[in-house]
């Protein structure tokens, strides 16, 4: 499952990491340049390009919703 979100500040990145870290499922974040980072990795997420929306990707719908909600909060 994939959902697109716009990330505009470091607080949103921290919220994604915190939400993903509490999950048993894998969640990936894909930027428009094709780079992929584990949503549980702050350093991995910091290297992505957020000038365009990113894709939150997970096989688990609940995990996907948790990360998207965290980003929007």
PDB file of N, CA and C in Angstrom:
ATOM      1  N   UNK A   1       0.830  -1.171   0.000  1.00  0.00           N
ATOM      2  CA  UNK A   1       0.000   0.000   0.000  1.00  0.00           C
ATOM      3  C   UNK A   1       0.879   1.241   0.000  1.00  0.00           C
ATOM      4  N   UNK A   2       0.406   2.275  -0.670  1.00  0.00           N
ATOM      5  CA  UNK A   2       1.190   3.497  -0.822  1.00  0.00           C
ATOM      6  C   UNK A   2       0.295   4.704  -0.577  1.00  0.00           C
ATOM      7  N   UNK A   3       0.832   5.680   0.130  1.00  0.00           N
ATOM      8  CA  UNK A   3       0.135   6.947   0.297  1.00  0.00           C
ATOM      9  C   UNK A   3       1.145   8.083   0.176  1.00  0.00           C
ATOM     10  N   UNK A   4       0.774   9.117  -0.548  1.00  0.00           N
ATOM     11  CA  UNK A   4       1.658  10.276  -0.743  1.00  0.00           C
ATOM     12  C   UNK A   4       1.378  11.318   0.332  1.00  0.00           C
ATOM     13  N   UNK A   5       2.457  11.893   0.881  1.00  0.00           N
ATOM     14  CA  UNK A   5       2.334  12.964   1.874  1.00  0.00           C
ATOM     15  C   UNK A   5       3.395  14.023   1.600  1.00  0.00           C
ATOM     16  N   UNK A   6       3.108  15.220   2.026  1.00  0.00           N
ATOM     17  CA  UNK A   6       4.089  16.298   1.931  1.00  0.00           C
ATOM     18  C   UNK A   6       4.695  16.481   3.316  1.00  0.00           C
ATOM     19  N   UNK A   7       6.006  16.441   3.371  1.00  0.00           N
ATOM     20  CA  UNK A   7       6.749  16.648   4.607  1.00  0.00           C
ATOM     21  C   UNK A   7       7.484  17.975   4.466  1.00  0.00           C
ATOM     22  N   UNK A   8       7.252  18.873   5.429  1.00  0.00           N
ATOM     23  CA  UNK A   8       7.823  20.207   5.275  1.00  0.00           C
ATOM     24  C   UNK A   8       8.740  20.637   6.407  1.00  0.00           C
ATOM     25  N   UNK A   9       8.876  19.815   7.456  1.00  0.00           N
ATOM     26  CA  UNK A   9       9.784  20.213   8.535  1.00  0.00           C
ATOM     27  C   UNK A   9      10.284  18.998   9.326  1.00  0.00           C
ATOM     28  N   UNK A  10      11.293  19.234  10.124  1.00  0.00           N
ATOM     29  CA  UNK A  10      11.940  18.166  10.890  1.00  0.00           C
ATOM     30  C   UNK A  10      11.001  17.554  11.922  1.00  0.00           C
ATOM     31  N   UNK A  11      10.054  18.334  12.430  1.00  0.00           N
ATOM     32  CA  UNK A  11       9.107  17.790  13.402  1.00  0.00           C
ATOM     33  C   UNK A  11       8.268  16.678  12.791  1.00  0.00           C
ATOM     34  N   UNK A  12       7.876  16.837  11.541  1.00  0.00           N
ATOM     35  CA  UNK A  12       7.114  15.786  10.871  1.00  0.00           C
ATOM     36  C   UNK A  12       7.962  14.530  10.695  1.00  0.00           C
ATOM     37  N   UNK A  13       9.232  14.710  10.372  1.00  0.00           N
ATOM     38  CA  UNK A  13      10.134  13.560  10.223  1.00  0.00           C
ATOM     39  C   UNK A  13      10.265  12.831  11.551  1.00  0.00           C
ATOM     40  N   UNK A  14      10.444  13.564  12.639  1.00  0.00           N
ATOM     41  CA  UNK A  14      10.534  12.948  13.971  1.00  0.00           C
ATOM     42  C   UNK A  14       9.265  12.182  14.325  1.00  0.00           C
ATOM     43  N   UNK A  15       8.108  12.734  13.972  1.00  0.00           N
ATOM     44  CA  UNK A  15       6.844  12.058  14.259  1.00  0.00           C
ATOM     45  C   UNK A  15       6.722  10.757  13.474  1.00  0.00           C
ATOM     46  N   UNK A  16       7.186  10.760  12.233  1.00  0.00           N
ATOM     47  CA  UNK A  16       7.161   9.534  11.429  1.00  0.00           C
ATOM     48  C   UNK A  16       8.054   8.472  12.071  1.00  0.00           C
ATOM     49  N   UNK A  17       9.259   8.858  12.467  1.00  0.00           N
ATOM     50  CA  UNK A  17      10.195   7.917  13.099  1.00  0.00           C
ATOM     51  C   UNK A  17       9.591   7.348  14.374  1.00  0.00           C
ATOM     52  N   UNK A  18       9.010   8.209  15.201  1.00  0.00           N
ATOM     53  CA  UNK A  18       8.420   7.739  16.455  1.00  0.00           C
ATOM     54  C   UNK A  18       7.266   6.780  16.210  1.00  0.00           C
ATOM     55  N   UNK A  19       6.416   7.096  15.242  1.00  0.00           N
ATOM     56  CA  UNK A  19       5.287   6.213  14.935  1.00  0.00           C
ATOM     57  C   UNK A  19       5.781   4.875  14.387  1.00  0.00           C
ATOM     58  N   UNK A  20       6.714   4.904  13.455  1.00  0.00           N
ATOM     59  CA  UNK A  20       7.213   3.682  12.826  1.00  0.00           C
ATOM     60  C   UNK A  20       7.980   2.809  13.825  1.00  0.00           C
ATOM     61  N   UNK A  21       8.687   3.440  14.740  1.00  0.00           N
ATOM     62  CA  UNK A  21       9.484   2.682  15.706  1.00  0.00           C
ATOM     63  C   UNK A  21       8.618   1.844  16.637  1.00  0.00           C
ATOM     64  N   UNK A  22       7.373   2.241  16.834  1.00  0.00           N
ATOM     65  CA  UNK A  22       6.474   1.488  17.692  1.00  0.00           C
ATOM     66  C   UNK A  22       5.725   0.378  16.967  1.00  0.00           C
ATOM     67  N   UNK A  23       6.046   0.143  15.711  1.00  0.00           N
ATOM     68  CA  UNK A  23       5.339  -0.848  14.911  1.00  0.00           C
ATOM     69  C   UNK A  23       6.197  -2.083  14.662  1.00  0.00           C
ATOM     70  N   UNK A  24       5.550  -3.214  14.477  1.00  0.00           N
ATOM     71  CA  UNK A  24       6.258  -4.451  14.125  1.00  0.00           C
ATOM     72  C   UNK A  24       6.442  -4.590  12.622  1.00  0.00           C
ATOM     73  N   UNK A  25       5.719  -3.787  11.857  1.00  0.00           N
ATOM     74  CA  UNK A  25       5.766  -3.868  10.396  1.00  0.00           C
ATOM     75  C   UNK A  25       6.837  -2.951   9.825  1.00  0.00           C
ATOM     76  N   UNK A  26       7.284  -3.286   8.632  1.00  0.00           N
ATOM     77  CA  UNK A  26       8.229  -2.433   7.916  1.00  0.00           C
ATOM     78  C   UNK A  26       7.470  -1.314   7.214  1.00  0.00           C
ATOM     79  N   UNK A  27       8.026  -0.110   7.286  1.00  0.00           N
ATOM     80  CA  UNK A  27       7.474   1.049   6.598  1.00  0.00           C
ATOM     81  C   UNK A  27       8.634   1.734   5.900  1.00  0.00           C
ATOM     82  N   UNK A  28       8.463   2.028   4.626  1.00  0.00           N
ATOM     83  CA  UNK A  28       9.493   2.712   3.861  1.00  0.00           C
ATOM     84  C   UNK A  28       8.997   4.063   3.399  1.00  0.00           C
ATOM     85  N   UNK A  29       9.926   4.974   3.214  1.00  0.00           N
ATOM     86  CA  UNK A  29       9.613   6.290   2.668  1.00  0.00           C
ATOM     87  C   UNK A  29      10.407   6.426   1.375  1.00  0.00           C
ATOM     88  N   UNK A  30       9.719   6.746   0.272  1.00  0.00           N
ATOM     89  CA  UNK A  30      10.332   6.863  -1.046  1.00  0.00           C
ATOM     90  C   UNK A  30      10.212   8.310  -1.502  1.00  0.00           C
ATOM     91  N   UNK A  31      11.327   8.913  -1.922  1.00  0.00           N
ATOM     92  CA  UNK A  31      11.242  10.275  -2.450  1.00  0.00           C
ATOM     93  C   UNK A  31      11.091  10.242  -3.971  1.00  0.00           C
ATOM     94  N   UNK A  32      10.886  11.402  -4.559  1.00  0.00           N
ATOM     95  CA  UNK A  32      10.646  11.497  -6.003  1.00  0.00           C
ATOM     96  C   UNK A  32      11.878  11.137  -6.827  1.00  0.00           C
ATOM     97  N   UNK A  33      13.060  11.127  -6.214  1.00  0.00           N
ATOM     98  CA  UNK A  33      14.297  10.779  -6.908  1.00  0.00           C
ATOM     99  C   UNK A  33      14.584   9.283  -6.889  1.00  0.00           C
ATOM    100  N   UNK A  34      13.699   8.510  -6.259  1.00  0.00           N
ATOM    101  CA  UNK A  34      13.886   7.067  -6.198  1.00  0.00           C
ATOM    102  C   UNK A  34      14.647   6.581  -4.985  1.00  0.00           C
ATOM    103  N   UNK A  35      15.020   7.486  -4.090  1.00  0.00           N
ATOM    104  CA  UNK A  35      15.706   7.085  -2.861  1.00  0.00           C
ATOM    105  C   UNK A  35      14.695   6.484  -1.898  1.00  0.00           C
ATOM    106  N   UNK A  36      15.118   5.484  -1.146  1.00  0.00           N
ATOM    107  CA  UNK A  36      14.248   4.794  -0.199  1.00  0.00           C
ATOM    108  C   UNK A  36      14.918   4.783   1.164  1.00  0.00           C
ATOM    109  N   UNK A  37      14.118   5.050   2.214  1.00  0.00           N
ATOM    110  CA  UNK A  37      14.650   5.004   3.573  1.00  0.00           C
ATOM    111  C   UNK A  37      13.673   4.245   4.468  1.00  0.00           C
ATOM    112  N   UNK A  38      14.210   3.556   5.446  1.00  0.00           N
ATOM    113  CA  UNK A  38      13.413   2.903   6.477  1.00  0.00           C
ATOM    114  C   UNK A  38      12.803   4.003   7.342  1.00  0.00           C
ATOM    115  N   UNK A  39      11.500   3.959   7.563  1.00  0.00           N
ATOM    116  CA  UNK A  39      10.826   4.994   8.351  1.00  0.00           C
ATOM    117  C   UNK A  39      11.272   4.996   9.810  1.00  0.00           C
ATOM    118  N   UNK A  40      11.937   3.945  10.262  1.00  0.00           N
ATOM    119  CA  UNK A  40      12.429   3.880  11.637  1.00  0.00           C
ATOM    120  C   UNK A  40      13.811   4.514  11.779  1.00  0.00           C
ATOM    121  N   UNK A  41      14.399   4.954  10.674  1.00  0.00           N
ATOM    122  CA  UNK A  41      15.759   5.493  10.669  1.00  0.00           C
ATOM    123  C   UNK A  41      15.759   7.008  10.451  1.00  0.00           C
ATOM    124  N   UNK A  42      16.047   7.754  11.496  1.00  0.00           N
ATOM    125  CA  UNK A  42      16.089   9.210  11.385  1.00  0.00           C
ATOM    126  C   UNK A  42      17.154   9.640  10.376  1.00  0.00           C
ATOM    127  N   UNK A  43      18.331   9.044  10.441  1.00  0.00           N
ATOM    128  CA  UNK A  43      19.389   9.412   9.501  1.00  0.00           C
ATOM    129  C   UNK A  43      18.996   9.082   8.058  1.00  0.00           C
ATOM    130  N   UNK A  44      18.345   7.952   7.874  1.00  0.00           N
ATOM    131  CA  UNK A  44      17.896   7.592   6.540  1.00  0.00           C
ATOM    132  C   UNK A  44      16.877   8.588   6.006  1.00  0.00           C
ATOM    133  N   UNK A  45      15.956   9.002   6.854  1.00  0.00           N
ATOM    134  CA  UNK A  45      14.931   9.950   6.422  1.00  0.00           C
ATOM    135  C   UNK A  45      15.513  11.331   6.148  1.00  0.00           C
ATOM    136  N   UNK A  46      16.543  11.711   6.875  1.00  0.00           N
ATOM    137  CA  UNK A  46      17.133  13.041   6.686  1.00  0.00           C
ATOM    138  C   UNK A  46      17.825  13.189   5.330  1.00  0.00           C
ATOM    139  N   UNK A  47      18.187  12.094   4.695  1.00  0.00           N
ATOM    140  CA  UNK A  47      18.881  12.188   3.407  1.00  0.00           C
ATOM    141  C   UNK A  47      17.932  12.270   2.217  1.00  0.00           C
ATOM    142  N   UNK A  48      16.626  12.138   2.459  1.00  0.00           N
ATOM    143  CA  UNK A  48      15.663  12.189   1.366  1.00  0.00           C
ATOM    144  C   UNK A  48      15.352  13.625   0.948  1.00  0.00           C
ATOM    145  N   UNK A  49      14.834  13.761  -0.265  1.00  0.00           N
ATOM    146  CA  UNK A  49      14.447  15.061  -0.827  1.00  0.00           C
ATOM    147  C   UNK A  49      12.968  15.299  -0.536  1.00  0.00           C
ATOM    148  N   UNK A  50      12.682  16.350   0.235  1.00  0.00           N
ATOM    149  CA  UNK A  50      11.302  16.655   0.608  1.00  0.00           C
ATOM    150  C   UNK A  50      10.747  17.862  -0.150  1.00  0.00           C
ATOM    151  N   UNK A  51      11.387  18.255  -1.248  1.00  0.00           N
ATOM    152  CA  UNK A  51      10.885  19.379  -2.030  1.00  0.00           C
ATOM    153  C   UNK A  51       9.594  18.998  -2.771  1.00  0.00           C
ATOM    154  N   UNK A  52       9.359  17.702  -2.923  1.00  0.00           N
ATOM    155  CA  UNK A  52       8.129  17.173  -3.511  1.00  0.00           C
ATOM    156  C   UNK A  52       7.540  16.141  -2.553  1.00  0.00           C
ATOM    157  N   UNK A  53       6.262  15.800  -2.708  1.00  0.00           N
ATOM    158  CA  UNK A  53       5.679  14.788  -1.809  1.00  0.00           C
ATOM    159  C   UNK A  53       6.458  13.470  -1.849  1.00  0.00           C
ATOM    160  N   UNK A  54       6.456  12.775  -0.728  1.00  0.00           N
ATOM    161  CA  UNK A  54       7.099  11.467  -0.623  1.00  0.00           C
ATOM    162  C   UNK A  54       6.007  10.403  -0.505  1.00  0.00           C
ATOM    163  N   UNK A  55       6.385   9.165  -0.755  1.00  0.00           N
ATOM    164  CA  UNK A  55       5.449   8.051  -0.644  1.00  0.00           C
ATOM    165  C   UNK A  55       5.764   7.247   0.607  1.00  0.00           C
ATOM    166  N   UNK A  56       4.739   6.999   1.405  1.00  0.00           N
ATOM    167  CA  UNK A  56       4.840   6.113   2.565  1.00  0.00           C
ATOM    168  C   UNK A  56       4.361   4.752   2.079  1.00  0.00           C
ATOM    169  N   UNK A  57       5.194   3.737   2.254  1.00  0.00           N
ATOM    170  CA  UNK A  57       4.917   2.418   1.688  1.00  0.00           C
ATOM    171  C   UNK A  57       4.985   1.355   2.789  1.00  0.00           C
ATOM    172  N   UNK A  58       3.956   0.514   2.849  1.00  0.00           N
ATOM    173  CA  UNK A  58       3.952  -0.596   3.796  1.00  0.00           C
ATOM    174  C   UNK A  58       3.008  -1.680   3.310  1.00  0.00           C
ATOM    175  N   UNK A  59       3.297  -2.913   3.648  1.00  0.00           N
ATOM    176  CA  UNK A  59       2.405  -4.033   3.352  1.00  0.00           C
ATOM    177  C   UNK A  59       1.237  -4.066   4.339  1.00  0.00           C
ATOM    178  N   UNK A  60       1.389  -3.370   5.465  1.00  0.00           N
ATOM    179  CA  UNK A  60       0.408  -3.382   6.544  1.00  0.00           C
ATOM    180  C   UNK A  60      -0.372  -2.064   6.537  1.00  0.00           C
ATOM    181  N   UNK A  61      -1.671  -2.127   6.301  1.00  0.00           N
ATOM    182  CA  UNK A  61      -2.498  -0.917   6.215  1.00  0.00           C
ATOM    183  C   UNK A  61      -2.504  -0.137   7.519  1.00  0.00           C
ATOM    184  N   UNK A  62      -2.515  -0.832   8.637  1.00  0.00           N
ATOM    185  CA  UNK A  62      -2.515  -0.159   9.945  1.00  0.00           C
ATOM    186  C   UNK A  62      -1.223   0.611  10.161  1.00  0.00           C
ATOM    187  N   UNK A  63      -0.100   0.031   9.810  1.00  0.00           N
ATOM    188  CA  UNK A  63       1.193   0.696   9.938  1.00  0.00           C
ATOM    189  C   UNK A  63       1.264   1.917   9.021  1.00  0.00           C
ATOM    190  N   UNK A  64       0.759   1.772   7.808  1.00  0.00           N
ATOM    191  CA  UNK A  64       0.740   2.881   6.863  1.00  0.00           C
ATOM    192  C   UNK A  64      -0.070   4.043   7.419  1.00  0.00           C
ATOM    193  N   UNK A  65      -1.271   3.756   7.916  1.00  0.00           N
ATOM    194  CA  UNK A  65      -2.127   4.812   8.483  1.00  0.00           C
ATOM    195  C   UNK A  65      -1.468   5.487   9.675  1.00  0.00           C
ATOM    196  N   UNK A  66      -0.803   4.713  10.538  1.00  0.00           N
ATOM    197  CA  UNK A  66      -0.161   5.277  11.722  1.00  0.00           C
ATOM    198  C   UNK A  66       0.920   6.282  11.333  1.00  0.00           C
ATOM    199  N   UNK A  67       1.710   5.956  10.339  1.00  0.00           N
ATOM    200  CA  UNK A  67       2.782   6.866   9.910  1.00  0.00           C
ATOM    201  C   UNK A  67       2.231   8.090   9.199  1.00  0.00           C
ATOM    202  N   UNK A  68       1.212   7.910   8.381  1.00  0.00           N
ATOM    203  CA  UNK A  68       0.608   9.052   7.684  1.00  0.00           C
ATOM    204  C   UNK A  68      -0.060   9.984   8.695  1.00  0.00           C
ATOM    205  N   UNK A  69      -0.782   9.420   9.655  1.00  0.00           N
ATOM    206  CA  UNK A  69      -1.422  10.246  10.693  1.00  0.00           C
ATOM    207  C   UNK A  69      -0.391  11.008  11.502  1.00  0.00           C
ATOM    208  N   UNK A  70       0.717  10.360  11.825  1.00  0.00           N
ATOM    209  CA  UNK A  70       1.775  11.025  12.599  1.00  0.00           C
ATOM    210  C   UNK A  70       2.337  12.210  11.829  1.00  0.00           C
ATOM    211  N   UNK A  71       2.478  12.055  10.546  1.00  0.00           N
ATOM    212  CA  UNK A  71       3.016  13.121   9.697  1.00  0.00           C
ATOM    213  C   UNK A  71       2.051  14.302   9.627  1.00  0.00           C
ATOM    214  N   UNK A  72       0.762  14.016   9.631  1.00  0.00           N
ATOM    215  CA  UNK A  72      -0.252  15.061   9.495  1.00  0.00           C
ATOM    216  C   UNK A  72      -0.556  15.770  10.814  1.00  0.00           C
ATOM    217  N   UNK A  73      -0.205  15.157  11.925  1.00  0.00           N
ATOM    218  CA  UNK A  73      -0.526  15.740  13.239  1.00  0.00           C
ATOM    219  C   UNK A  73       0.314  16.957  13.544  1.00  0.00           C
TER     220      UNK A  73
END
